[in-house]
Protein backbone atom coordinates (compact mmCIF):
# COMPACT_ATOMS: atom_id res chain seq x y z
CA MET A 1 73.14 90.40 -59.67
CA LYS A 2 70.03 90.80 -61.76
CA LYS A 3 71.90 89.51 -64.78
CA ILE A 4 72.95 86.38 -62.99
CA ILE A 5 69.38 85.60 -61.95
CA LEU A 6 68.04 86.12 -65.48
CA ASN A 7 70.69 83.80 -66.96
CA ILE A 8 69.74 81.03 -64.55
CA LEU A 9 66.02 81.43 -65.39
CA PHE A 10 66.59 81.22 -69.17
CA LEU A 11 68.78 78.16 -68.73
CA THR A 12 66.10 76.35 -66.79
CA ILE A 13 63.37 77.06 -69.36
CA GLY A 14 65.58 75.79 -72.12
CA ILE A 15 66.27 72.50 -70.48
CA SER A 16 62.50 71.92 -69.98
CA LEU A 17 61.72 72.59 -73.60
CA TYR A 18 64.38 70.13 -74.68
CA ALA A 19 62.90 67.36 -72.56
CA GLN A 20 59.45 67.86 -74.15
CA ASP A 21 60.93 67.94 -77.59
CA ASN A 22 61.59 64.15 -77.44
CA TRP A 23 57.87 63.23 -76.78
CA ASN A 24 57.57 61.28 -80.00
CA GLU A 25 60.47 58.95 -79.07
CA PRO A 26 59.22 57.02 -76.06
CA THR A 27 62.31 54.83 -75.87
CA GLU A 28 64.47 57.68 -74.99
CA GLY A 29 64.45 59.14 -71.58
CA GLU A 30 63.05 55.98 -69.79
CA LEU A 31 64.54 54.57 -66.67
CA GLU A 32 66.42 51.37 -67.10
CA ASP A 33 65.14 48.16 -65.37
CA SER A 34 67.01 47.58 -62.21
CA GLN A 35 66.88 45.27 -59.15
CA ILE A 36 67.76 46.26 -55.68
CA VAL A 37 68.87 43.56 -53.26
CA ILE A 38 68.91 44.33 -49.57
CA GLU A 39 70.89 41.88 -47.50
CA LYS A 40 70.84 41.72 -43.72
CA ASN A 41 73.74 39.68 -42.64
CA ARG A 42 74.46 40.86 -39.21
CA SER A 43 75.66 38.93 -36.23
CA LEU A 44 76.25 40.00 -32.71
CA ASP A 45 79.30 38.37 -31.23
CA LEU A 46 79.65 38.63 -27.51
CA PRO A 47 82.50 37.37 -25.48
CA ARG A 48 81.86 34.21 -23.38
CA ALA A 49 80.84 35.12 -19.91
CA THR A 50 82.74 33.70 -17.04
CA ARG A 51 80.96 33.45 -13.69
CA SER A 52 82.46 32.42 -10.46
CA PHE A 53 80.12 31.87 -7.48
CA ARG A 54 81.55 32.48 -4.14
CA GLN A 55 80.02 31.29 -0.89
CA VAL A 56 78.75 33.98 1.37
CA PRO A 57 81.01 34.09 4.34
CA LYS A 58 79.49 32.92 7.61
CA ILE A 59 78.75 35.42 10.26
CA ASP A 60 81.16 35.24 13.06
CA GLN A 61 79.26 34.42 16.25
CA SER A 62 82.23 34.01 18.45
CA SER A 63 81.49 37.19 20.30
CA ASP A 64 81.37 36.93 24.10
CA SER A 65 77.92 36.33 25.68
CA ILE A 66 76.59 38.93 28.02
CA ARG A 67 75.44 37.65 31.40
CA VAL A 68 72.23 39.19 32.70
CA ASN A 69 71.01 38.78 36.29
CA PHE A 70 67.48 39.37 37.58
CA SER A 71 66.34 39.71 41.14
CA TRP A 72 62.89 40.18 42.68
CA ASN A 73 61.15 40.07 45.98
CA GLU A 74 58.71 37.19 46.56
CA ILE A 75 55.37 38.47 47.77
CA THR A 76 52.90 36.12 49.49
CA PRO A 77 49.47 37.70 49.83
CA GLU A 78 47.51 36.98 52.96
CA LEU A 79 43.84 36.28 52.23
CA SER A 80 41.00 35.66 54.60
CA LYS A 81 39.67 32.13 54.77
CA LEU A 82 36.97 31.78 52.12
CA LYS A 83 34.31 29.07 52.10
CA PRO A 84 32.60 29.38 48.74
CA GLY A 85 29.28 27.64 48.38
CA LEU A 86 29.43 25.58 45.17
CA ARG A 87 26.22 24.27 43.62
CA VAL A 88 25.73 22.07 40.54
CA LEU A 89 23.68 23.73 37.86
CA ARG A 90 21.01 21.25 36.86
CA ILE A 91 19.47 21.74 33.43
CA LYS A 92 15.99 20.31 33.27
CA ASP A 93 15.16 18.12 30.29
CA GLU A 94 12.20 19.08 28.22
CA PRO A 95 9.19 17.13 29.47
CA ILE A 96 8.13 14.27 27.20
CA PRO A 97 4.55 14.75 26.08
CA LYS A 98 2.20 12.30 27.68
CA LEU A 99 1.16 9.38 25.56
CA PHE A 100 -2.46 8.30 25.82
CA ALA A 101 -2.21 4.98 23.98
CA ASN A 102 -5.14 3.34 25.75
CA GLN A 103 -8.66 4.04 24.57
CA VAL A 104 -12.21 2.98 25.32
CA SER A 105 -15.27 3.84 23.24
CA ALA A 106 -18.92 2.99 23.92
CA GLY A 107 -22.30 3.88 22.46
CA PHE A 108 -25.94 2.99 21.78
CA GLY A 109 -28.26 3.34 18.81
CA ASN A 110 -31.56 2.40 17.24
CA TYR A 111 -32.49 -1.18 16.32
CA GLY A 112 -31.30 -2.06 19.84
CA ALA A 113 -27.68 -1.37 18.88
CA SER A 114 -24.88 -1.51 21.46
CA TYR A 115 -21.22 -0.75 20.83
CA LEU A 116 -18.01 -1.15 22.84
CA SER A 117 -14.40 -1.15 21.65
CA GLY A 118 -10.99 -0.32 22.99
CA PHE A 119 -7.33 -1.09 23.46
CA VAL A 120 -5.40 -1.36 26.73
CA GLY A 121 -1.63 -1.89 26.77
CA ASN A 122 1.75 -0.61 27.82
CA LYS A 123 3.03 2.81 26.85
CA ARG A 124 6.51 3.89 25.76
CA ASP A 125 9.07 1.11 25.56
CA ARG A 126 12.06 0.80 23.24
CA ASN A 127 11.95 -2.96 22.94
CA LYS A 128 8.43 -4.23 23.49
CA SER A 129 4.74 -3.48 23.30
CA TYR A 130 1.79 -5.51 24.53
CA GLY A 131 -1.90 -5.07 25.08
CA VAL A 132 -5.37 -6.37 24.41
CA GLN A 133 -7.91 -5.20 21.84
CA PHE A 134 -11.63 -5.84 22.21
CA TYR A 135 -14.69 -5.07 20.10
CA HIS A 136 -18.44 -5.57 20.41
CA LYS A 137 -21.30 -4.44 18.20
CA SER A 138 -24.74 -5.96 18.03
CA PHE A 139 -28.26 -5.21 16.83
CA ASN A 140 -31.07 -6.75 18.82
CA LYS A 141 -33.51 -6.01 16.01
CA GLY A 142 -33.36 -6.07 12.24
CA ALA A 143 -35.27 -5.21 9.11
CA VAL A 144 -37.66 -8.19 9.25
CA ASP A 145 -39.75 -9.15 12.28
CA GLU A 146 -37.37 -7.37 14.64
CA LYS A 147 -35.70 -10.01 16.81
CA TYR A 148 -35.71 -12.59 13.98
CA SER A 149 -33.21 -10.49 12.01
CA GLY A 150 -30.75 -9.31 14.66
CA SER A 151 -26.98 -9.69 14.37
CA GLY A 152 -23.80 -9.27 16.37
CA TYR A 153 -20.02 -9.51 16.37
CA GLN A 154 -17.57 -9.80 19.28
CA MET A 155 -13.78 -10.03 19.26
CA VAL A 156 -10.91 -10.21 21.79
CA ARG A 157 -7.26 -10.11 20.66
CA PRO A 158 -4.34 -10.01 23.16
CA SER A 159 -1.02 -9.34 21.46
CA ALA A 160 2.66 -8.69 22.16
CA ARG A 161 5.58 -7.48 20.09
CA PHE A 162 9.32 -7.56 20.81
CA PHE A 163 11.84 -5.77 18.63
CA ASN A 164 15.33 -4.29 18.37
CA ASP A 165 17.35 -2.71 15.59
CA LYS A 166 17.52 -5.94 13.57
CA ILE A 167 14.44 -8.11 14.10
CA SER A 168 10.82 -7.90 15.17
CA PHE A 169 8.82 -10.73 16.71
CA GLU A 170 5.08 -10.56 17.30
CA THR A 171 2.45 -12.93 18.60
CA SER A 172 -1.27 -12.74 19.32
CA LEU A 173 -4.31 -14.79 20.27
CA LEU A 174 -7.79 -14.37 18.82
CA TYR A 175 -11.33 -15.20 19.73
CA ASP A 176 -14.27 -13.88 17.74
CA ARG A 177 -17.95 -14.69 17.49
CA THR A 178 -20.47 -13.79 14.78
CA ASN A 179 -24.18 -14.43 14.99
CA ASN A 180 -27.03 -13.62 12.63
CA TYR A 181 -30.39 -14.99 11.62
CA ALA A 182 -31.55 -16.55 8.38
CA TYR A 183 -34.44 -14.12 8.15
CA GLY A 184 -34.56 -14.49 4.37
CA SER A 185 -36.57 -17.64 5.03
CA ILE A 186 -39.37 -15.64 6.63
CA GLU A 187 -42.44 -15.14 4.49
CA GLU A 188 -45.38 -12.97 5.36
CA GLU A 189 -47.75 -15.89 5.66
CA LEU A 190 -45.64 -17.71 8.25
CA ASP A 191 -46.72 -17.64 11.85
CA LEU A 192 -43.29 -17.47 13.44
CA ASN A 193 -44.41 -17.80 17.02
CA GLU A 194 -46.23 -21.06 16.30
CA SER A 195 -44.05 -22.63 13.60
CA PHE A 196 -40.50 -21.68 14.55
CA SER A 197 -38.44 -20.57 17.47
CA ARG A 198 -35.84 -17.84 17.18
CA ASP A 199 -32.96 -20.29 17.63
CA GLU A 200 -33.97 -22.19 14.49
CA PHE A 201 -33.06 -19.12 12.44
CA GLN A 202 -29.86 -18.28 14.30
CA LYS A 203 -26.44 -18.97 12.80
CA LYS A 204 -23.40 -18.69 15.08
CA PHE A 205 -19.75 -18.80 14.00
CA GLN A 206 -16.90 -18.88 16.52
CA THR A 207 -13.16 -18.78 15.87
CA ALA A 208 -10.23 -19.37 18.22
CA GLY A 209 -6.76 -18.84 16.84
CA ALA A 210 -3.16 -17.72 17.26
CA HIS A 211 -0.62 -15.82 15.19
CA ILE A 212 3.17 -15.48 15.20
CA GLY A 213 5.38 -13.35 12.98
CA LEU A 214 9.09 -12.71 12.53
CA SER A 215 10.50 -9.99 10.27
CA ASP A 216 13.77 -8.24 9.49
CA ARG A 217 13.87 -4.54 10.44
CA ASN A 218 17.14 -3.69 8.67
CA ILE A 219 15.93 -3.30 5.09
CA GLU A 220 19.44 -2.35 3.90
CA ASP A 221 20.76 -5.90 4.46
CA TYR A 222 21.42 -7.99 1.39
CA PHE A 223 18.99 -10.56 2.84
CA THR A 224 15.59 -9.63 4.31
CA TYR A 225 12.75 -11.84 5.47
CA ASP A 226 9.15 -11.72 6.67
CA TYR A 227 7.55 -14.85 8.14
CA ASP A 228 3.97 -15.32 9.34
CA ALA A 229 2.02 -18.31 10.62
CA ASP A 230 -1.62 -18.55 11.72
CA PHE A 231 -3.68 -21.27 13.31
CA TYR A 232 -7.43 -21.21 13.89
CA HIS A 233 -10.34 -23.50 14.67
CA LEU A 234 -13.73 -22.43 13.33
CA PHE A 235 -16.92 -24.07 14.59
CA THR A 236 -20.56 -23.20 13.91
CA SER A 237 -24.04 -23.82 15.24
CA MET A 238 -24.73 -25.79 12.03
CA ASN A 239 -22.31 -28.53 13.17
CA THR A 240 -19.64 -27.60 10.64
CA ALA A 241 -16.02 -26.92 11.53
CA GLU A 242 -12.66 -26.10 10.00
CA THR A 243 -9.20 -26.42 11.52
CA ASN A 244 -6.58 -24.55 9.55
CA PHE A 245 -2.86 -23.82 9.71
CA ASN A 246 -1.60 -21.35 7.11
CA PHE A 247 1.79 -19.77 6.60
CA SER A 248 3.62 -17.18 4.53
CA LEU A 249 7.41 -17.09 4.09
CA ASN A 250 8.93 -14.20 2.13
CA ASN A 251 12.69 -14.07 1.47
CA THR A 252 14.43 -11.34 -0.53
CA TYR A 253 18.09 -11.36 -1.61
CA ASN A 254 19.63 -8.06 -2.71
CA PHE A 255 22.90 -8.90 -4.43
CA ARG A 256 25.58 -6.29 -4.96
CA GLY A 257 24.73 -4.61 -8.21
CA ALA A 258 21.55 -4.77 -10.23
CA PHE A 259 20.49 -8.36 -9.50
CA GLY A 260 18.26 -9.71 -6.76
CA ALA A 261 16.20 -12.80 -6.00
CA LYS A 262 13.04 -13.76 -4.16
CA LEU A 263 11.96 -17.06 -2.69
CA ASN A 264 8.43 -16.98 -1.31
CA ALA A 265 6.29 -19.81 -0.01
CA SER A 266 2.73 -19.95 1.29
CA GLY A 267 -0.14 -22.33 1.79
CA PHE A 268 -2.38 -24.06 4.30
CA ILE A 269 -3.06 -27.43 5.87
CA SER A 270 -6.66 -27.87 6.98
CA ASN A 271 -9.40 -30.27 7.95
CA TYR A 272 -13.03 -29.55 7.05
CA ASN A 273 -16.08 -31.16 8.72
CA TYR A 274 -19.60 -30.82 7.31
CA PHE A 275 -22.98 -32.59 7.17
CA ASN A 276 -23.38 -32.42 10.97
CA GLU A 277 -19.67 -33.28 11.23
CA SER A 278 -20.44 -36.74 9.88
CA GLN A 279 -18.16 -36.19 6.91
CA SER A 280 -14.72 -34.64 6.82
CA TYR A 281 -11.68 -34.45 4.61
CA ASN A 282 -8.22 -32.95 4.62
CA ARG A 283 -7.13 -30.17 2.30
CA ASN A 284 -3.53 -29.13 1.64
CA LEU A 285 -2.14 -26.40 -0.58
CA ILE A 286 1.59 -25.62 -0.80
CA GLN A 287 2.83 -22.79 -3.04
CA ILE A 288 6.45 -21.89 -3.87
CA ASP A 289 7.27 -18.78 -5.91
CA PRO A 290 10.97 -18.33 -6.85
CA SER A 291 11.94 -15.33 -8.98
CA VAL A 292 14.92 -13.24 -10.13
CA VAL A 293 14.89 -9.43 -10.12
CA TYR A 294 16.98 -7.14 -12.34
CA LYS A 295 17.03 -3.40 -11.69
CA LEU A 296 18.05 -0.73 -14.17
CA ASP A 297 17.92 3.02 -13.73
CA GLN A 298 14.22 3.29 -14.51
CA ILE A 299 13.10 -0.31 -15.09
CA ILE A 300 12.58 -3.27 -12.76
CA LEU A 301 12.27 -6.71 -14.38
CA GLU A 302 11.14 -9.81 -12.50
CA GLY A 303 10.82 -13.34 -13.81
CA GLY A 304 9.95 -16.54 -12.00
CA LEU A 305 7.51 -19.39 -11.49
CA ASN A 306 4.40 -20.01 -9.40
CA ILE A 307 4.43 -23.67 -8.34
CA SER A 308 1.40 -25.05 -6.46
CA TYR A 309 0.68 -28.46 -4.97
CA ASP A 310 -3.05 -29.05 -4.32
CA ASN A 311 -4.26 -32.14 -2.47
CA GLN A 312 -7.51 -33.13 -0.76
CA SER A 313 -8.61 -36.47 0.59
CA ARG A 314 -12.22 -36.08 -0.58
CA THR A 315 -11.28 -36.88 -4.16
CA ASN A 316 -7.89 -38.52 -3.47
CA ILE A 317 -6.45 -36.37 -6.23
CA SER A 318 -3.16 -34.52 -6.01
CA GLU A 319 -2.30 -31.97 -8.65
CA VAL A 320 0.75 -29.83 -9.36
CA TYR A 321 0.37 -26.54 -11.22
CA VAL A 322 3.30 -24.59 -12.70
CA TYR A 323 2.68 -21.12 -14.12
CA PRO A 324 4.96 -18.26 -15.20
CA ASN A 325 5.32 -15.08 -13.19
CA LEU A 326 6.69 -12.24 -15.35
CA ASN A 327 6.55 -8.57 -14.38
CA ALA A 328 8.06 -5.33 -15.68
CA THR A 329 7.77 -1.89 -14.10
CA TYR A 330 8.92 1.35 -15.73
CA PHE A 331 9.42 4.64 -13.87
CA PRO A 332 9.36 7.51 -16.41
CA LEU A 333 9.31 10.02 -13.55
CA ALA A 334 10.31 9.89 -9.91
CA LYS A 335 6.81 9.13 -8.61
CA THR A 336 5.15 7.70 -11.71
CA TYR A 337 5.12 4.05 -12.77
CA LEU A 338 3.82 1.83 -15.57
CA GLY A 339 3.65 -1.94 -15.21
CA ILE A 340 2.75 -5.11 -17.07
CA GLY A 341 2.58 -8.69 -15.84
CA ILE A 342 1.73 -12.19 -17.07
CA SER A 343 1.11 -14.89 -14.50
CA GLY A 344 -0.95 -17.83 -13.31
CA ASP A 345 -1.77 -19.02 -9.82
CA VAL A 346 -3.98 -21.07 -7.50
CA ARG A 347 -6.28 -19.03 -5.24
CA GLN A 348 -6.90 -20.29 -1.73
CA VAL A 349 -10.52 -21.01 -0.79
CA THR A 350 -11.29 -21.87 2.84
CA TYR A 351 -14.53 -22.30 4.73
CA LYS A 352 -13.74 -19.19 6.77
CA SER A 353 -13.15 -17.03 3.68
CA VAL A 354 -16.42 -18.17 2.09
CA LEU A 355 -18.43 -17.51 5.26
CA GLU A 356 -17.05 -13.98 5.34
CA THR A 357 -18.53 -13.53 1.85
CA ASN A 358 -21.88 -15.22 2.53
CA PRO A 359 -22.86 -16.17 6.12
CA TYR A 360 -26.07 -17.93 5.01
CA LEU A 361 -24.46 -21.00 3.45
CA ASP A 362 -25.92 -24.47 3.52
CA PRO A 363 -24.02 -26.85 5.87
CA SER A 364 -23.20 -29.17 2.96
CA PHE A 365 -20.88 -26.66 1.31
CA ILE A 366 -18.06 -28.27 -0.72
CA LEU A 367 -14.66 -26.56 -0.85
CA GLU A 368 -12.43 -26.30 -3.92
CA ASN A 369 -9.50 -24.00 -4.63
CA THR A 370 -9.86 -21.70 -7.64
CA ILE A 371 -7.45 -22.21 -10.53
CA ASN A 372 -6.23 -19.13 -12.41
CA PRO A 373 -4.10 -20.48 -15.31
CA PHE A 374 -3.61 -17.15 -17.10
CA GLN A 375 -3.81 -13.51 -16.15
CA LEU A 376 -2.61 -10.36 -17.91
CA THR A 377 -2.20 -7.30 -15.70
CA LEU A 378 -1.66 -3.68 -16.71
CA LYS A 379 -1.14 -1.03 -14.05
CA ALA A 380 -0.14 2.60 -13.73
CA GLY A 381 0.16 5.18 -10.99
CA SER A 382 1.42 8.64 -10.21
CA ASN A 383 1.77 11.04 -7.30
CA LEU A 384 0.80 14.60 -8.16
CA LEU A 385 2.56 17.34 -6.20
CA ASP A 386 3.00 14.94 -3.26
CA LYS A 387 -0.68 15.48 -2.51
CA VAL A 388 -2.73 13.22 -4.80
CA GLN A 389 -1.95 9.54 -5.43
CA ILE A 390 -3.64 7.88 -8.42
CA ASP A 391 -3.41 4.12 -9.08
CA GLY A 392 -5.18 2.15 -11.78
CA SER A 393 -5.16 -1.46 -12.98
CA PHE A 394 -6.69 -3.65 -15.67
CA GLU A 395 -6.74 -7.45 -15.49
CA VAL A 396 -8.02 -10.11 -17.86
CA GLY A 397 -7.66 -13.86 -17.41
CA THR A 398 -9.28 -17.27 -17.19
CA VAL A 399 -10.46 -19.03 -14.03
CA ASN A 400 -11.68 -22.53 -13.19
CA LYS A 401 -13.51 -23.86 -10.12
CA LEU A 402 -14.84 -20.44 -9.21
CA PRO A 403 -17.63 -20.74 -6.60
CA TYR A 404 -20.86 -18.79 -6.85
CA PHE A 405 -24.06 -18.97 -4.82
CA THR A 406 -27.56 -20.15 -5.61
CA ASP A 407 -30.55 -19.25 -3.45
CA VAL A 408 -32.47 -22.42 -2.57
CA ARG A 409 -35.67 -22.88 -0.57
CA THR A 410 -36.25 -26.36 0.76
CA ASP A 411 -39.16 -27.99 2.52
CA ASN A 412 -39.06 -28.00 6.29
CA GLN A 413 -40.84 -31.29 6.83
CA SER A 414 -41.67 -30.63 10.46
CA GLY A 415 -43.66 -27.49 9.72
CA ASN A 416 -44.10 -28.04 5.98
CA GLU A 417 -42.66 -24.56 5.39
CA LEU A 418 -39.96 -23.39 3.00
CA LEU A 419 -36.59 -22.44 4.52
CA GLN A 420 -33.88 -20.61 2.61
CA SER A 421 -30.17 -21.33 2.31
CA PHE A 422 -27.37 -20.88 -0.22
CA VAL A 423 -25.48 -23.63 -1.97
CA SER A 424 -22.33 -23.26 -4.00
CA ILE A 425 -21.82 -24.17 -7.62
CA TYR A 426 -18.39 -24.18 -9.27
CA SER A 427 -17.98 -22.88 -12.78
CA ASP A 428 -15.13 -23.53 -15.24
CA ASN A 429 -13.66 -21.77 -18.26
CA LEU A 430 -14.73 -18.34 -17.10
CA THR A 431 -13.25 -15.18 -18.57
CA GLU A 432 -12.47 -12.79 -15.76
CA LEU A 433 -12.28 -9.06 -16.43
CA LYS A 434 -11.34 -6.65 -13.64
CA SER A 435 -10.41 -3.00 -13.58
CA SER A 436 -10.08 -0.49 -10.78
CA ILE A 437 -8.95 3.04 -10.05
CA LEU A 438 -8.01 4.49 -6.67
CA ILE A 439 -7.52 8.19 -5.90
CA GLN A 440 -6.22 9.29 -2.50
CA THR A 441 -5.31 12.75 -1.24
CA ASP A 442 -3.00 13.84 1.55
CA PHE A 443 -3.65 17.40 2.66
CA GLY A 444 -2.73 16.85 6.29
CA LYS A 445 -5.21 16.57 9.13
CA ASN A 446 -7.68 19.15 7.87
CA PHE A 447 -8.96 17.50 4.70
CA ASN A 448 -8.60 14.17 2.91
CA LEU A 449 -10.51 12.35 0.20
CA SER A 450 -10.45 8.87 -1.31
CA ALA A 451 -12.38 7.39 -4.23
CA LYS A 452 -12.27 3.79 -5.45
CA GLY A 453 -14.11 2.48 -8.49
CA GLN A 454 -14.23 -1.18 -9.54
CA TYR A 455 -15.54 -3.07 -12.55
CA LEU A 456 -15.85 -6.86 -12.45
CA SER A 457 -17.21 -9.27 -15.06
CA TYR A 458 -17.37 -13.06 -15.45
CA ALA A 459 -18.66 -14.87 -18.52
CA ASN A 460 -18.38 -18.10 -20.49
CA ASP A 461 -20.39 -19.92 -23.15
CA SER A 462 -23.36 -20.56 -20.85
CA ILE A 463 -23.52 -17.52 -18.54
CA ASP A 464 -22.79 -13.83 -18.95
CA ALA A 465 -22.81 -12.88 -15.25
CA LEU A 466 -22.27 -14.58 -11.90
CA PRO A 467 -24.95 -14.33 -9.20
CA TYR A 468 -24.25 -11.86 -6.40
CA VAL A 469 -21.34 -10.28 -8.29
CA PRO A 470 -22.04 -6.61 -9.09
CA LYS A 471 -20.33 -5.35 -12.21
CA PHE A 472 -19.70 -1.88 -10.84
CA LYS A 473 -18.91 -0.52 -7.37
CA LEU A 474 -17.94 2.97 -6.24
CA ASP A 475 -16.73 3.85 -2.75
CA LEU A 476 -16.19 7.51 -1.78
CA LYS A 477 -14.84 8.70 1.56
CA GLY A 478 -13.92 12.15 2.82
CA ASN A 479 -13.11 13.76 6.14
CA VAL A 480 -12.74 17.34 7.33
CA SER A 481 -11.24 18.65 10.58
CA ILE A 482 -12.29 22.08 11.85
CA LYS A 483 -9.83 23.68 14.27
CA GLU A 484 -9.02 20.25 15.74
CA LYS A 485 -12.35 20.32 17.58
CA VAL A 486 -14.84 18.96 15.06
CA GLU A 487 -14.18 16.00 12.75
CA ILE A 488 -16.67 15.21 9.98
CA GLY A 489 -16.57 12.11 7.79
CA LEU A 490 -18.79 11.34 4.80
CA SER A 491 -19.04 8.03 2.93
CA VAL A 492 -20.92 7.12 -0.23
CA TYR A 493 -21.25 3.56 -1.57
CA LEU A 494 -22.85 2.81 -4.94
CA GLN A 495 -23.45 -0.61 -6.46
CA SER A 496 -24.95 -1.77 -9.72
CA LYS A 497 -27.63 -4.41 -10.05
CA MET A 498 -26.88 -8.09 -9.48
CA GLU A 499 -28.34 -11.29 -10.84
CA ALA A 500 -29.52 -14.08 -8.54
CA TYR A 501 -30.53 -17.68 -9.10
CA TYR A 502 -33.67 -18.59 -7.21
CA ARG A 503 -34.63 -22.24 -6.85
CA ARG A 504 -37.68 -23.49 -4.96
CA ILE A 505 -37.64 -27.13 -3.92
CA ASP A 506 -40.70 -28.63 -2.24
CA PHE A 507 -39.94 -32.28 -3.00
CA SER A 508 -42.53 -32.22 -5.78
CA SER A 509 -40.88 -29.69 -8.08
CA ASN A 510 -37.43 -28.29 -8.68
CA LEU A 511 -37.86 -25.04 -10.54
CA ALA A 512 -35.04 -22.51 -10.96
CA THR A 513 -35.51 -18.96 -12.13
CA MET A 514 -33.24 -15.97 -12.72
CA THR A 515 -34.06 -12.74 -10.95
CA GLU A 516 -32.38 -9.38 -10.36
CA ILE A 517 -31.38 -7.44 -7.26
CA ASP A 518 -31.81 -3.71 -7.71
CA PRO A 519 -28.87 -1.29 -7.57
CA PHE A 520 -28.57 0.79 -4.43
CA ALA A 521 -26.75 3.67 -2.76
CA ASP A 522 -25.72 3.91 0.89
CA LEU A 523 -24.74 7.22 2.49
CA GLY A 524 -23.03 7.51 5.85
CA LEU A 525 -22.09 10.43 8.10
CA ASP A 526 -19.69 10.46 11.08
CA VAL A 527 -19.34 13.47 13.38
CA ARG A 528 -16.92 13.68 16.32
CA TYR A 529 -16.51 16.59 18.75
CA ASN A 530 -13.33 16.67 20.85
CA LEU A 531 -14.20 17.87 24.34
CA THR A 532 -10.53 17.72 25.36
CA SER A 533 -7.40 16.11 23.98
CA ARG A 534 -8.49 12.88 25.69
CA ALA A 535 -12.29 12.86 25.53
CA SER A 536 -14.74 13.15 22.66
CA ILE A 537 -18.34 12.39 21.73
CA PHE A 538 -19.43 10.97 18.38
CA VAL A 539 -22.48 10.24 16.24
CA ASN A 540 -22.45 7.67 13.41
CA ALA A 541 -25.32 7.60 10.93
CA ASN A 542 -25.66 4.97 8.19
CA ASN A 543 -28.11 4.47 5.34
CA LEU A 544 -29.19 8.10 5.38
CA LEU A 545 -31.54 7.39 2.47
CA SER A 546 -33.32 4.78 4.60
CA ASN A 547 -33.30 2.40 1.65
CA LYS A 548 -33.88 -1.20 2.71
CA TYR A 549 -31.80 -2.54 -0.15
CA GLU A 550 -30.87 -6.20 -0.56
CA TYR A 551 -27.39 -7.57 -0.94
CA TYR A 552 -28.65 -11.16 -0.71
CA LEU A 553 -32.00 -12.11 -2.16
CA ASN A 554 -34.82 -11.75 0.41
CA TYR A 555 -32.40 -10.25 2.94
CA PRO A 556 -33.27 -6.54 3.16
CA ASN A 557 -30.87 -4.29 5.00
CA ARG A 558 -31.79 -2.16 7.97
CA GLY A 559 -33.09 1.31 7.21
CA PHE A 560 -31.74 4.51 8.73
CA GLN A 561 -29.30 3.69 11.54
CA ILE A 562 -27.83 6.06 14.10
CA LEU A 563 -25.41 5.38 16.93
CA GLY A 564 -23.98 7.84 19.46
CA GLY A 565 -21.31 7.41 22.08
CA PHE A 566 -18.31 8.59 24.06
CA THR A 567 -14.55 7.99 23.62
CA TYR A 568 -11.90 8.40 26.32
CA SER A 569 -8.11 8.01 26.05
CA PHE A 570 -5.83 7.31 29.00
């Protein structure tokens, strides 16, 4: 066995040595190049399947039915005769809170002041409301020589309104009376008791009028309208009078889509009497303003014309004015807007509107409408946090036939004294510059504030300021409510200086000079204490600085004024 193993071992060693002996001949002993190809060519052949579907046999329901019989005993219960007491459960409606729409307020103050105002009418009604409003406030004394500078105003206005879901119709009557005294004529050296009576200084203005209005209440209609018409007759103690009918017709068409249209018309037809009613003439102004509106997502564009027909018999001249009316408004945010406009127009001037500006006019006042051929308007506004509303505007344009007032003293031949009045002078080619800003807050009933600032300037080649036109005005108002018992209101009014023309005519000279009216500030305070939900007491104080400032030359205002009173609602 050992020999066999040794022979195998020697044989193996010999073979290995022989393989290494051919190391120098690399071509011998190598593997030949070869290629192996693996082919997969298999197919699975299955026999065709044959399927035969057989209908499931129906279940045989021909088995005999089983008859089932039931039997029971009918039981009729015997009950005692019942007579239930049935009552209807009535649910009470919540009581409607009482409405105290009627109110009366009265009071007294210094300078012989008396005050009375109120409204009496119907209460809740779904289709109508009616009532009468009245107001009275007078001062028996004034800043100069007491009774020679008193003033007063009275007004009564009955009204009615009828409405439903679609339309609203309203009508009212008006009577008001204003009286004051031309105390600017009083000079220190005059002996009033000997030279003049009080009635010679008194100026009274009375107006009787009526109003009707018709408007559309459904603002979602494609066509909406708002019509108003007013008639009044104004007569004065200076033997001047004006009869006027004015109207305003506003029509809006909202087409389906982005387009819309407006067709507005306004104007007046009047007759004016002056110079002790010895002279009179008719005045007519008709204005038509058609326009087209295009609305985008954030932009509203409006383009149209302002067409005016102006006629008066005094000059026998009829004129037609046509001006563009272009406006664009952009809304960058939900409650923020920017706007620009270019337009021209004719501004209405009536005897009533001028008297409201200056009640000391001379009876020979001539009326002309103001022409505004060009005006550029820029405006912007925003609402901050739904609490503060800010609006601002800037306007520049040209105006013609703009009236302004000149202070004139003329000789009273009976007493050879100088009496004062105001005459009007019209100026042309004026450059008008106006800007304003208004800030209003809404913090509920407890606190609110408003501030309005205005800048106004007129100039041309000959003048740089109009008389009695302040360049700057600031009006501040605020009110505070404390636990619904005490209400406090504060007002501040500031005004810059004004220029005034002063002309003294004594039939021997006619000299005119320029003078200035000083700037002034007026502070007011209102306090109201609610005794109950229906009754309260109040105190109104004006001119807290007791500054006898002048708004018209030689017409000083009253000093510190206080008025207290009582208000009751029913």
